[in-house]
C-alpha atoms as a PDB file:
ATOM      1  CA  MET A   1       0.005  -0.016   0.002  1.00  0.00           C
ATOM      2  CA  GLN A   2       1.184   3.502  -0.849  1.00  0.00           C
ATOM      3  CA  ALA A   3       0.354   6.414   1.412  1.00  0.00           C
ATOM      4  CA  THR A   4      -1.311   9.386  -0.330  1.00  0.00           C
ATOM      5  CA  GLU A   5      -1.059  13.038   0.524  1.00  0.00           C
ATOM      6  CA  ILE A   6      -4.095  12.627   2.675  1.00  0.00           C
ATOM      7  CA  GLU A   7      -3.368  11.014   6.022  1.00  0.00           C
ATOM      8  CA  GLY A   8      -5.200   7.723   6.336  1.00  0.00           C
ATOM      9  CA  VAL A   9      -5.871   7.320   2.614  1.00  0.00           C
ATOM     10  CA  PHE A  10      -3.896   4.802   0.668  1.00  0.00           C
ATOM     11  CA  LYS A  11      -3.508   3.811  -3.024  1.00  0.00           C
ATOM     12  CA  ARG A  12      -2.775   0.532  -4.739  1.00  0.00           C
ATOM     13  CA  ASN A  13      -3.071  -0.222  -8.463  1.00  0.00           C
ATOM     14  CA  GLY A  14      -4.955   2.970  -9.019  1.00  0.00           C
ATOM     15  CA  ARG A  15      -7.542   2.246  -6.317  1.00  0.00           C
ATOM     16  CA  LEU A  16      -8.022   4.047  -2.932  1.00  0.00           C
ATOM     17  CA  TYR A  17      -8.188   2.322   0.423  1.00  0.00           C
ATOM     18  CA  THR A  18      -8.728   3.207   4.062  1.00  0.00           C
ATOM     19  CA  ILE A  19      -7.739   1.102   7.049  1.00  0.00           C
ATOM     20  CA  ASN A  20     -10.770  -0.655   8.326  1.00  0.00           C
ATOM     21  CA  LEU A  21     -11.861   0.610  11.809  1.00  0.00           C
ATOM     22  CA  CYS A  22     -14.090  -2.415  12.274  1.00  0.00           C
ATOM     23  CA  LYS A  23     -11.959  -5.392  11.103  1.00  0.00           C
ATOM     24  CA  GLY A  24     -13.781  -7.964   9.088  1.00  0.00           C
ATOM     25  CA  MET A  25     -16.881  -5.777   8.561  1.00  0.00           C
ATOM     26  CA  ARG A  26     -18.061  -4.394   5.252  1.00  0.00           C
ATOM     27  CA  VAL A  27     -20.501  -1.363   4.951  1.00  0.00           C
ATOM     28  CA  TYR A  28     -21.607  -1.368   1.346  1.00  0.00           C
ATOM     29  CA  GLY A  29     -20.199  -4.624  -0.110  1.00  0.00           C
ATOM     30  CA  GLU A  30     -16.697  -3.175  -0.702  1.00  0.00           C
ATOM     31  CA  SER A  31     -13.711  -5.483  -0.981  1.00  0.00           C
ATOM     32  CA  LEU A  32     -11.406  -6.029   1.986  1.00  0.00           C
ATOM     33  CA  LYS A  33      -7.589  -6.497   1.497  1.00  0.00           C
ATOM     34  CA  THR A  34      -5.080  -7.497   4.199  1.00  0.00           C
ATOM     35  CA  VAL A  35      -1.554  -6.286   3.716  1.00  0.00           C
ATOM     36  CA  ASP A  36       1.208  -6.950   6.388  1.00  0.00           C
ATOM     37  CA  GLY A  37      -1.480  -7.701   8.904  1.00  0.00           C
ATOM     38  CA  VAL A  38      -3.423  -4.546   8.280  1.00  0.00           C
ATOM     39  CA  GLU A  39      -6.963  -4.762   6.841  1.00  0.00           C
ATOM     40  CA  TYR A  40      -7.896  -2.171   4.224  1.00  0.00           C
ATOM     41  CA  ARG A  41     -11.241  -1.330   2.724  1.00  0.00           C
ATOM     42  CA  SER A  42     -11.539  -0.490  -1.034  1.00  0.00           C
ATOM     43  CA  TRP A  43     -13.027   2.957  -1.551  1.00  0.00           C
ATOM     44  CA  ASN A  44     -15.213   2.975  -4.591  1.00  0.00           C
ATOM     45  CA  PRO A  45     -15.231   6.408  -6.511  1.00  0.00           C
ATOM     46  CA  TYR A  46     -18.383   5.485  -8.344  1.00  0.00           C
ATOM     47  CA  ARG A  47     -20.120   5.109  -4.927  1.00  0.00           C
ATOM     48  CA  SER A  48     -18.401   8.000  -3.089  1.00  0.00           C
ATOM     49  CA  LYS A  49     -17.896  11.488  -4.577  1.00  0.00           C
ATOM     50  CA  LEU A  50     -15.186  12.130  -2.027  1.00  0.00           C
ATOM     51  CA  ALA A  51     -13.138   9.230  -3.374  1.00  0.00           C
ATOM     52  CA  ALA A  52     -13.718  10.531  -6.881  1.00  0.00           C
ATOM     53  CA  ALA A  53     -12.514  14.007  -5.899  1.00  0.00           C
ATOM     54  CA  ILE A  54      -9.385  12.599  -4.319  1.00  0.00           C
ATOM     55  CA  LEU A  55      -8.627  10.551  -7.409  1.00  0.00           C
ATOM     56  CA  LYS A  56      -9.123  13.634  -9.467  1.00  0.00           C
ATOM     57  CA  GLY A  57      -6.493  15.440  -7.401  1.00  0.00           C
ATOM     58  CA  ILE A  58      -8.285  17.285  -4.644  1.00  0.00           C
ATOM     59  CA  LYS A  59      -5.876  17.667  -1.625  1.00  0.00           C
ATOM     60  CA  ILE A  60      -7.399  18.001   1.826  1.00  0.00           C
ATOM     61  CA  ASP A  61      -4.707  18.821   4.355  1.00  0.00           C
ATOM     62  CA  THR A  62      -6.990  19.019   7.396  1.00  0.00           C
ATOM     63  CA  LEU A  63      -7.936  15.327   7.323  1.00  0.00           C
ATOM     64  CA  ASN A  64      -6.117  13.250   9.882  1.00  0.00           C
ATOM     65  CA  LYS A  65      -6.686  11.076  12.859  1.00  0.00           C
ATOM     66  CA  ASN A  66      -7.439  14.071  15.129  1.00  0.00           C
ATOM     67  CA  SER A  67      -9.846  15.826  12.752  1.00  0.00           C
ATOM     68  CA  LYS A  68     -13.402  16.700  13.457  1.00  0.00           C
ATOM     69  CA  VAL A  69     -15.761  16.621  10.509  1.00  0.00           C
ATOM     70  CA  LEU A  70     -19.192  17.938   9.717  1.00  0.00           C
ATOM     71  CA  TYR A  71     -20.871  15.997   6.907  1.00  0.00           C
ATOM     72  CA  LEU A  72     -23.981  17.421   5.297  1.00  0.00           C
ATOM     73  CA  GLY A  73     -26.082  14.974   3.397  1.00  0.00           C
ATOM     74  CA  ALA A  74     -24.781  11.823   5.012  1.00  0.00           C
ATOM     75  CA  ALA A  75     -27.394   9.507   3.352  1.00  0.00           C
ATOM     76  CA  THR A  76     -26.827   5.854   4.422  1.00  0.00           C
ATOM     77  CA  GLY A  77     -23.168   6.371   5.263  1.00  0.00           C
ATOM     78  CA  THR A  78     -20.999   5.013   2.448  1.00  0.00           C
ATOM     79  CA  THR A  79     -18.617   7.992   2.472  1.00  0.00           C
ATOM     80  CA  VAL A  80     -19.163   8.643   6.131  1.00  0.00           C
ATOM     81  CA  SER A  81     -17.796   5.164   6.847  1.00  0.00           C
ATOM     82  CA  HIS A  82     -14.534   5.862   5.108  1.00  0.00           C
ATOM     83  CA  LEU A  83     -14.145   9.115   6.887  1.00  0.00           C
ATOM     84  CA  SER A  84     -14.799   7.107  10.089  1.00  0.00           C
ATOM     85  CA  ASP A  85     -11.598   5.127   9.178  1.00  0.00           C
ATOM     86  CA  ILE A  86      -9.610   8.302   8.939  1.00  0.00           C
ATOM     87  CA  VAL A  87     -10.725  10.950  11.466  1.00  0.00           C
ATOM     88  CA  SER A  88     -11.551  11.402  15.063  1.00  0.00           C
ATOM     89  CA  GLU A  89     -15.232  12.487  15.003  1.00  0.00           C
ATOM     90  CA  ILE A  90     -17.864  12.821  12.211  1.00  0.00           C
ATOM     91  CA  TYR A  91     -21.082  14.825  12.806  1.00  0.00           C
ATOM     92  CA  ALA A  92     -23.336  13.302  10.140  1.00  0.00           C
ATOM     93  CA  VAL A  93     -26.336  15.380   9.302  1.00  0.00           C
ATOM     94  CA  GLU A  94     -29.160  13.773   7.333  1.00  0.00           C
ATOM     95  CA  TYR A  95     -32.707  14.904   6.703  1.00  0.00           C
ATOM     96  CA  SER A  96     -34.225  11.571   5.581  1.00  0.00           C
ATOM     97  CA  ALA A  97     -35.590   9.377   8.339  1.00  0.00           C
ATOM     98  CA  PHE A  98     -35.271   6.305   6.137  1.00  0.00           C
ATOM     99  CA  ALA A  99     -31.521   6.994   5.539  1.00  0.00           C
ATOM    100  CA  MET A 100     -31.048   7.836   9.246  1.00  0.00           C
ATOM    101  CA  LYS A 101     -32.103   4.362  10.219  1.00  0.00           C
ATOM    102  CA  LYS A 102     -29.112   2.867   8.337  1.00  0.00           C
ATOM    103  CA  LEU A 103     -26.897   5.622   9.631  1.00  0.00           C
ATOM    104  CA  LEU A 104     -27.779   4.825  13.249  1.00  0.00           C
ATOM    105  CA  GLU A 105     -27.033   1.085  12.604  1.00  0.00           C
ATOM    106  CA  LEU A 106     -23.563   2.134  11.345  1.00  0.00           C
ATOM    107  CA  ALA A 107     -22.990   4.398  14.191  1.00  0.00           C
ATOM    108  CA  LYS A 108     -23.605   1.468  16.640  1.00  0.00           C
ATOM    109  CA  LYS A 109     -20.440  -0.219  15.139  1.00  0.00           C
ATOM    110  CA  ARG A 110     -18.485   2.924  14.576  1.00  0.00           C
ATOM    111  CA  SER A 111     -18.504   5.126  17.698  1.00  0.00           C
ATOM    112  CA  ASN A 112     -16.907   8.173  16.085  1.00  0.00           C
ATOM    113  CA  ILE A 113     -19.994   8.779  13.969  1.00  0.00           C
ATOM    114  CA  ILE A 114     -22.526  11.093  15.525  1.00  0.00           C
ATOM    115  CA  PRO A 115     -25.795  10.882  13.477  1.00  0.00           C
ATOM    116  CA  ILE A 116     -27.973  14.051  13.531  1.00  0.00           C
ATOM    117  CA  LEU A 117     -31.460  13.954  11.990  1.00  0.00           C
ATOM    118  CA  ALA A 118     -31.775  17.638  10.892  1.00  0.00           C
ATOM    119  CA  ASP A 119     -32.247  19.928   7.899  1.00  0.00           C
ATOM    120  CA  ALA A 120     -28.993  21.529   6.801  1.00  0.00           C
ATOM    121  CA  ASN A 121     -30.930  24.651   5.741  1.00  0.00           C
ATOM    122  CA  HIS A 122     -31.114  25.419   9.454  1.00  0.00           C
ATOM    123  CA  PRO A 123     -27.522  25.126  10.816  1.00  0.00           C
ATOM    124  CA  HIS A 124     -28.442  26.750  14.116  1.00  0.00           C
ATOM    125  CA  ARG A 125     -30.591  23.701  15.019  1.00  0.00           C
ATOM    126  CA  TYR A 126     -27.574  21.538  15.697  1.00  0.00           C
ATOM    127  CA  LEU A 127     -25.397  24.277  17.263  1.00  0.00           C
ATOM    128  CA  SER A 128     -25.532  22.609  20.677  1.00  0.00           C
ATOM    129  CA  ILE A 129     -24.183  19.351  19.210  1.00  0.00           C
ATOM    130  CA  VAL A 130     -21.627  20.294  16.545  1.00  0.00           C
ATOM    131  CA  PRO A 131     -18.282  21.957  17.510  1.00  0.00           C
ATOM    132  CA  LYS A 132     -15.976  23.978  15.186  1.00  0.00           C
ATOM    133  CA  VAL A 133     -14.666  21.484  12.626  1.00  0.00           C
ATOM    134  CA  ASP A 134     -11.479  20.967  10.667  1.00  0.00           C
ATOM    135  CA  PHE A 135     -13.329  19.752   7.590  1.00  0.00           C
ATOM    136  CA  LEU A 136     -16.906  20.379   6.299  1.00  0.00           C
ATOM    137  CA  TYR A 137     -18.231  18.172   3.495  1.00  0.00           C
ATOM    138  CA  GLN A 138     -21.491  18.696   1.607  1.00  0.00           C
ATOM    139  CA  ASP A 139     -23.239  16.411  -0.857  1.00  0.00           C
ATOM    140  CA  ILE A 140     -26.839  17.751  -1.109  1.00  0.00           C
ATOM    141  CA  SER A 141     -29.160  17.731  -4.142  1.00  0.00           C
ATOM    142  CA  GLN A 142     -30.991  21.021  -3.536  1.00  0.00           C
ATOM    143  CA  ARG A 143     -31.343  24.113  -5.723  1.00  0.00           C
ATOM    144  CA  ASN A 144     -29.952  26.255  -2.814  1.00  0.00           C
ATOM    145  CA  GLN A 145     -27.051  23.900  -2.069  1.00  0.00           C
ATOM    146  CA  VAL A 146     -24.563  26.836  -2.290  1.00  0.00           C
ATOM    147  CA  ASP A 147     -26.483  28.912   0.324  1.00  0.00           C
ATOM    148  CA  ILE A 148     -26.607  25.879   2.635  1.00  0.00           C
ATOM    149  CA  PHE A 149     -22.828  25.382   2.291  1.00  0.00           C
ATOM    150  CA  ILE A 150     -21.944  29.007   2.974  1.00  0.00           C
ATOM    151  CA  GLU A 151     -24.187  29.214   6.022  1.00  0.00           C
ATOM    152  CA  ASN A 152     -22.742  26.079   7.565  1.00  0.00           C
ATOM    153  CA  VAL A 153     -19.087  26.892   6.696  1.00  0.00           C
ATOM    154  CA  ASP A 154     -19.651  30.352   8.231  1.00  0.00           C
ATOM    155  CA  MET A 155     -20.984  28.797  11.402  1.00  0.00           C
ATOM    156  CA  TYR A 156     -18.861  25.682  11.841  1.00  0.00           C
ATOM    157  CA  LEU A 157     -15.621  25.740   9.905  1.00  0.00           C
ATOM    158  CA  LYS A 158     -12.452  26.671  11.782  1.00  0.00           C
ATOM    159  CA  SER A 159     -10.393  29.506  10.284  1.00  0.00           C
ATOM    160  CA  ASP A 160      -7.697  27.123   9.151  1.00  0.00           C
ATOM    161  CA  GLY A 161     -10.266  24.446   8.070  1.00  0.00           C
ATOM    162  CA  ARG A 162     -11.333  23.229   4.715  1.00  0.00           C
ATOM    163  CA  GLY A 163     -14.718  22.860   3.171  1.00  0.00           C
ATOM    164  CA  LEU A 164     -15.631  20.678   0.274  1.00  0.00           C
ATOM    165  CA  LEU A 165     -18.697  21.296  -1.742  1.00  0.00           C
ATOM    166  CA  MET A 166     -19.948  18.744  -4.218  1.00  0.00           C
ATOM    167  CA  VAL A 167     -21.785  20.902  -6.803  1.00  0.00           C
ATOM    168  CA  LYS A 168     -24.670  19.042  -8.490  1.00  0.00           C
ATOM    169  CA  THR A 169     -25.204  21.396 -11.376  1.00  0.00           C
ATOM    170  CA  ARG A 170     -28.377  19.788 -12.633  1.00  0.00           C
ATOM    171  CA  SER A 171     -30.054  20.346  -9.293  1.00  0.00           C
ATOM    172  CA  ILE A 172     -29.399  24.069  -9.727  1.00  0.00           C
ATOM    173  CA  ASP A 173     -30.223  24.683 -13.343  1.00  0.00           C
ATOM    174  CA  VAL A 174     -30.893  22.095 -16.093  1.00  0.00           C
ATOM    175  CA  ALA A 175     -30.667  24.731 -18.915  1.00  0.00           C
ATOM    176  CA  LEU A 176     -27.259  26.291 -18.239  1.00  0.00           C
ATOM    177  CA  PRO A 177     -23.915  24.552 -19.140  1.00  0.00           C
ATOM    178  CA  PRO A 178     -22.488  22.868 -15.932  1.00  0.00           C
ATOM    179  CA  GLU A 179     -19.190  24.951 -16.359  1.00  0.00           C
ATOM    180  CA  LYS A 180     -21.076  28.208 -16.281  1.00  0.00           C
ATOM    181  CA  ILE A 181     -22.934  27.138 -13.085  1.00  0.00           C
ATOM    182  CA  VAL A 182     -19.690  26.142 -11.358  1.00  0.00           C
ATOM    183  CA  VAL A 183     -18.062  29.548 -12.251  1.00  0.00           C
ATOM    184  CA  GLU A 184     -21.093  31.438 -10.858  1.00  0.00           C
ATOM    185  CA  ILE A 185     -20.913  29.364  -7.581  1.00  0.00           C
ATOM    186  CA  GLU A 186     -17.133  30.134  -7.327  1.00  0.00           C
ATOM    187  CA  GLU A 187     -17.981  33.824  -7.526  1.00  0.00           C
ATOM    188  CA  GLU A 188     -20.704  33.544  -4.981  1.00  0.00           C
ATOM    189  CA  ILE A 189     -18.437  31.764  -2.451  1.00  0.00           C
ATOM    190  CA  ARG A 190     -15.777  34.370  -2.990  1.00  0.00           C
ATOM    191  CA  LYS A 191     -18.338  37.158  -2.457  1.00  0.00           C
ATOM    192  CA  HIS A 192     -18.842  35.733   1.102  1.00  0.00           C
ATOM    193  CA  GLY A 193     -15.113  36.028   1.830  1.00  0.00           C
ATOM    194  CA  PHE A 194     -14.081  32.451   1.237  1.00  0.00           C
ATOM    195  CA  ASN A 195     -11.156  31.435  -0.992  1.00  0.00           C
ATOM    196  CA  VAL A 196     -11.654  28.585  -3.475  1.00  0.00           C
ATOM    197  CA  LEU A 197      -8.407  26.555  -3.362  1.00  0.00           C
ATOM    198  CA  GLN A 198      -9.264  23.876  -5.926  1.00  0.00           C
ATOM    199  CA  LYS A 199     -11.815  22.933  -8.503  1.00  0.00           C
ATOM    200  CA  LYS A 200     -12.161  19.514 -10.037  1.00  0.00           C
ATOM    201  CA  TYR A 201     -14.835  17.953 -12.317  1.00  0.00           C
ATOM    202  CA  LEU A 202     -15.693  14.475 -11.382  1.00  0.00           C
ATOM    203  CA  LYS A 203     -15.884  12.781 -14.778  1.00  0.00           C
ATOM    204  CA  PRO A 204     -15.794   9.939 -15.392  1.00  0.00           C
ATOM    205  CA  TYR A 205     -17.101   9.020 -11.989  1.00  0.00           C
ATOM    206  CA  GLU A 206     -19.989  11.433 -11.883  1.00  0.00           C
ATOM    207  CA  LYS A 207     -21.576  13.415 -14.731  1.00  0.00           C
ATOM    208  CA  ASP A 208     -22.226  17.178 -14.276  1.00  0.00           C
ATOM    209  CA  HIS A 209     -20.628  17.296 -10.908  1.00  0.00           C
ATOM    210  CA  ALA A 210     -17.736  19.386  -9.625  1.00  0.00           C
ATOM    211  CA  ALA A 211     -15.820  19.451  -6.291  1.00  0.00           C
ATOM    212  CA  LEU A 212     -14.829  22.814  -4.905  1.00  0.00           C
ATOM    213  CA  LEU A 213     -12.365  22.994  -2.048  1.00  0.00           C
ATOM    214  CA  VAL A 214     -12.724  26.109   0.153  1.00  0.00           C
ATOM    215  CA  GLU A 215     -10.528  27.472   3.017  1.00  0.00           C
ATOM    216  CA  GLY A 216     -11.809  29.123   6.219  1.00  0.00           C
ATOM    217  CA  ASN A 217     -11.999  32.903   6.186  1.00  0.00           C
ATOM    218  CA  GLY A 218      -9.835  33.452   9.272  1.00  0.00           C
ATOM    219  CA  ASN A 219     -12.615  35.006  11.292  1.00  0.00           C
ATOM    220  CA  ILE A 220     -13.617  31.977  13.323  1.00  0.00           C
END
């Protein structure tokens, strides 16, 4: 296994892996591989946009074993589970009660996942639960996904933290070219005082998706 630039993420034969926090257990049917007595989980970029973004070259320097993460749009926990292998704590916000059931089951096995049934449109509602975080990740299919991201970053991201927005362009406007939408979103983020460090389109793993890496504004 070869270490990547992101602590806790490894690469072998073009595939990403994380060290399995719960040895012998799979989350979504991923393959397990043992190397020198260490069990690794294969991280599928077609099932996880974060894995896709990393393979496309996104570099997140605030992810490590001591990191605290706020995850917006946690769904059933595919990507959350890999972050659980890497970081200290994950505050996983999900609005769907159906998805939350599966997330709760996952959290029973992985104690560093804190599931939160809430609407990310209202970040103040989990203010008593979520601390300032080193990394904020958002994967939400809503027209106002940028507003949601900015509000949560402003409230929860540390000044030296990183935020990663998965832009779903077709959820914003089906008529405009995806590239134009992404440029407009970059401008909107900068207007609010945040710097866009990296931009990567997720082809061939996801169509009409882009990942924007943002840094904290130094005021938190």
